[in-house]
Protein backbone atom coordinates (compact mmCIF):
# COMPACT_ATOMS: atom_id res chain seq x y z
CA MET A 1 8.16 -0.99 7.73
CA PRO A 2 4.51 -1.62 6.70
CA GLY A 3 2.53 1.60 6.54
CA HIS A 4 5.33 3.95 7.42
CA PHE A 5 8.68 5.17 6.16
CA GLU A 6 11.89 4.03 7.79
CA PRO A 7 15.36 5.51 7.27
CA LEU A 8 17.86 3.77 5.02
CA PRO A 9 21.56 3.55 5.90
CA GLY A 10 23.43 6.40 4.23
CA GLY A 11 20.30 8.50 3.75
CA GLY A 12 16.98 8.05 2.08
CA ALA A 13 13.89 6.20 3.20
CA ALA A 14 11.91 3.05 2.48
CA VAL A 15 8.29 2.01 2.84
CA ALA A 16 6.39 -1.19 2.04
CA LEU A 17 3.35 -0.56 -0.14
CA ASP A 18 0.74 -2.94 -1.47
CA GLU A 19 -0.73 -2.77 -4.95
CA VAL A 20 -3.78 -0.77 -3.85
CA GLU A 21 -1.68 1.79 -1.96
CA ILE A 22 0.62 2.21 -4.97
CA SER A 23 -2.41 2.74 -7.21
CA ILE A 24 -3.96 5.31 -4.84
CA ILE A 25 -0.80 7.41 -4.50
CA ARG A 26 -0.12 7.28 -8.23
CA SER A 27 -3.70 8.27 -9.09
CA LEU A 28 -3.61 11.20 -6.66
CA ALA A 29 -0.26 12.38 -8.05
CA VAL A 30 -1.65 12.24 -11.62
CA GLN A 31 -4.72 14.23 -10.52
CA LEU A 32 -2.44 16.79 -8.90
CA LEU A 33 -0.48 17.15 -12.15
CA GLU A 34 -3.71 17.68 -14.07
CA LEU A 35 -4.84 20.29 -11.56
CA ILE A 36 -1.56 22.23 -11.67
CA GLY A 37 -1.61 22.15 -15.47
CA PRO A 38 1.11 21.82 -18.11
CA GLY A 39 4.25 23.89 -17.99
CA PRO A 40 5.24 26.51 -20.59
CA ALA A 41 7.67 24.07 -22.21
CA GLU A 42 4.78 21.68 -22.85
CA ASN A 43 2.81 24.40 -24.63
CA ALA A 44 5.51 25.92 -26.82
CA PRO A 45 9.01 25.22 -28.17
CA ALA A 46 11.64 25.46 -25.44
CA ASP A 47 13.31 28.86 -25.34
CA PRO A 48 15.45 29.21 -22.19
CA LEU A 49 15.73 33.00 -22.58
CA ALA A 50 11.97 33.44 -23.04
CA GLU A 51 11.28 31.15 -20.06
CA LEU A 52 13.65 33.21 -17.91
CA PHE A 53 11.63 36.36 -18.52
CA ALA A 54 8.20 34.72 -18.75
CA GLU A 55 5.64 36.28 -16.47
CA GLY A 56 3.04 34.27 -14.65
CA PRO A 57 -0.51 35.16 -13.69
CA SER A 58 -1.13 38.13 -11.44
CA GLU A 59 -4.55 37.04 -10.19
CA PRO A 60 -5.13 34.21 -7.71
CA PRO A 61 -6.48 30.99 -9.23
CA ALA A 62 -10.26 30.51 -9.18
CA ASP A 63 -10.08 26.91 -7.92
CA PRO A 64 -9.95 26.82 -4.08
CA VAL A 65 -7.44 23.95 -4.17
CA LEU A 66 -5.06 25.97 -6.36
CA GLN A 67 -5.61 28.94 -4.05
CA ARG A 68 -4.38 26.73 -1.19
CA LEU A 69 -1.40 25.48 -3.22
CA PHE A 70 -0.54 28.98 -4.49
CA PRO A 71 -1.69 31.39 -1.78
CA ASP A 72 -1.27 35.16 -1.84
CA ALA A 73 2.14 36.16 -0.51
CA TYR A 74 0.82 39.29 1.18
CA SER A 75 -2.36 39.18 3.22
CA ALA A 76 -3.46 40.21 6.67
CA PRO A 77 -3.41 37.48 9.35
CA ALA A 78 -6.81 35.98 10.12
CA GLY A 79 -8.84 38.23 12.37
CA GLU A 80 -6.70 41.32 11.74
CA VAL A 81 -8.68 44.35 10.60
CA THR A 82 -7.22 46.26 7.66
CA THR A 83 -8.31 49.43 5.93
CA ALA A 84 -9.45 49.37 2.31
CA GLU A 85 -6.21 51.09 1.36
CA GLU A 86 -4.09 48.48 3.17
CA ALA A 87 -6.08 45.65 1.60
CA GLU A 88 -5.58 47.13 -1.88
CA GLU A 89 -1.85 47.53 -1.25
CA GLN A 90 -1.61 43.88 -0.14
CA ARG A 91 -3.46 42.77 -3.30
CA ALA A 92 -1.07 44.78 -5.48
CA HIS A 93 2.01 43.33 -3.76
CA SER A 94 0.58 39.79 -4.00
CA ALA A 95 -0.17 40.23 -7.70
CA GLU A 96 3.38 41.42 -8.40
CA PHE A 97 4.90 38.58 -6.38
CA ARG A 98 2.66 36.00 -8.08
CA ARG A 99 3.55 37.33 -11.54
CA PHE A 100 7.24 36.56 -11.03
CA THR A 101 7.08 33.39 -8.90
CA GLU A 102 4.03 31.28 -9.72
CA ASN A 103 5.44 29.71 -12.90
CA ASP A 104 8.48 28.45 -10.96
CA LEU A 105 6.31 27.25 -8.08
CA ARG A 106 4.09 25.31 -10.47
CA ALA A 107 7.14 23.79 -12.19
CA GLY A 108 8.51 22.64 -8.83
CA LYS A 109 5.22 21.07 -7.79
CA ARG A 110 4.93 19.34 -11.18
CA GLU A 111 8.44 17.92 -10.84
CA ASN A 112 7.72 16.61 -7.34
CA ALA A 113 4.52 14.90 -8.47
CA LEU A 114 6.34 13.42 -11.47
CA ALA A 115 9.09 12.10 -9.17
CA VAL A 116 6.42 10.25 -7.17
CA ILE A 117 4.90 8.75 -10.32
CA ARG A 118 8.27 7.72 -11.77
CA SER A 119 9.43 6.04 -8.56
CA LEU A 120 6.15 4.11 -8.27
CA ASP A 121 6.29 3.08 -11.94
CA ALA A 122 9.81 1.72 -11.39
CA LEU A 123 8.61 -0.72 -8.70
CA THR A 124 8.43 -4.44 -9.37
CA LEU A 125 5.58 -6.07 -7.50
CA GLY A 126 6.32 -9.25 -5.57
CA GLY A 127 4.20 -12.38 -5.41
CA ASP A 128 2.15 -10.85 -2.62
CA GLY A 129 1.24 -7.86 -4.82
CA GLY A 130 3.40 -5.46 -2.84
CA ALA A 131 6.79 -3.84 -3.12
CA VAL A 132 9.29 -1.93 -1.02
CA LEU A 133 9.78 1.61 -2.26
CA LYS A 134 13.35 2.82 -1.64
CA LEU A 135 14.07 6.53 -2.02
CA THR A 136 17.33 8.45 -2.09
CA ALA A 137 17.64 11.50 0.15
CA GLU A 138 16.76 13.76 -2.82
CA GLN A 139 13.76 11.63 -3.78
CA SER A 140 12.62 11.67 -0.14
CA GLU A 141 12.56 15.47 -0.22
CA GLN A 142 10.53 15.42 -3.45
CA TRP A 143 8.11 12.89 -1.98
CA LEU A 144 7.75 14.98 1.16
CA ARG A 145 6.83 18.08 -0.85
CA ALA A 146 4.44 16.09 -3.06
CA LEU A 147 2.73 14.48 -0.04
CA ASN A 148 2.31 17.94 1.45
CA ASP A 149 0.72 19.21 -1.78
CA LEU A 150 -1.60 16.20 -1.95
CA ARG A 151 -2.74 16.74 1.64
CA LEU A 152 -3.28 20.45 1.00
CA ALA A 153 -5.37 19.61 -2.07
CA ILE A 154 -7.49 16.98 -0.31
CA GLY A 155 -7.74 19.12 2.82
CA SER A 156 -9.04 21.99 0.73
CA ARG A 157 -11.76 19.76 -0.77
CA LEU A 158 -12.66 18.65 2.78
CA ASP A 159 -12.66 22.26 4.07
CA VAL A 160 -9.87 21.51 6.55
CA VAL A 161 -8.52 24.82 7.84
CA ASP A 162 -7.05 23.95 11.24
CA GLU A 163 -6.41 21.10 13.68
CA GLN A 164 -9.98 21.25 14.98
CA ASP A 165 -11.27 20.44 11.49
CA THR A 166 -8.90 17.46 11.32
CA ASP A 167 -10.24 16.16 14.65
CA LEU A 168 -13.78 16.23 13.24
CA LEU A 169 -12.71 14.01 10.34
CA TYR A 170 -12.02 11.13 12.74
CA ARG A 171 -15.67 11.19 13.84
CA LEU A 172 -17.27 11.06 10.39
CA PRO A 173 -19.74 8.15 10.08
CA ASP A 174 -18.83 5.40 7.64
CA GLU A 175 -21.79 6.27 5.39
CA ASP A 176 -20.53 9.83 4.85
CA PRO A 177 -19.58 10.17 1.14
CA ARG A 178 -16.41 12.05 2.16
CA LYS A 179 -15.11 9.05 4.13
CA PRO A 180 -12.80 7.61 1.39
CA MET A 181 -11.25 11.05 0.86
CA VAL A 182 -10.84 11.44 4.63
CA MET A 183 -9.12 8.06 4.89
CA ALA A 184 -6.71 9.03 2.10
CA TYR A 185 -6.03 12.39 3.81
CA LEU A 186 -5.24 10.78 7.17
CA TRP A 187 -3.18 7.97 5.61
CA LEU A 188 -1.06 10.43 3.60
CA GLY A 189 -0.58 12.41 6.81
CA GLY A 190 0.88 9.33 8.50
CA LEU A 191 3.21 8.70 5.56
CA GLN A 192 4.28 12.34 5.57
CA GLU A 193 4.96 12.33 9.30
CA THR A 194 7.13 9.21 9.21
CA LEU A 195 9.00 10.51 6.15
CA VAL A 196 9.78 13.73 8.03
CA GLU A 197 11.16 11.63 10.88
CA THR A 198 13.52 9.77 8.51
CA LEU A 199 14.94 13.09 7.29
CA MET A 200 15.65 14.45 10.76
CA PRO A 201 19.32 14.29 11.82
């Protein structure tokens, strides 16, 4: 089990983590929460009716990481030429879609990151400084979505756009200041891949 998720009988997954790995994942999840920002309920008294009709932003976020986490819903595929009129129409559709969906998307991503933090905080470290994290099927889904968001965020900071960019990361020299971030990106990718495998029928 070290370093990768394995399926649990009856559903769910488990992975052995040491103290450093637990600290890294927790720190990244906290940073993701800070990046996404607080929800409406954290800024004002809870009003279910108001939240139901609350409108989100209509413009894309300025931060490139948030742009990756909350992309435009309508845009031309890379390399496809569009007219100015088509581009304006796509922007208008994206703005409308974002206005009614981004708050919910942010809430979902916050909840997934919080699920990661809560499950790590519930661990009891053994004498060797490690612990076995056991997730239910539902928690596994939340972890999978959170790991995906973390990799998107780190990948955005590393300018990873496609598989070719990922291949280049393996060849970075040890003295490159991006190396620790690259190692985290690749390690989370391995965790994500093995977690996907545990969820497959």
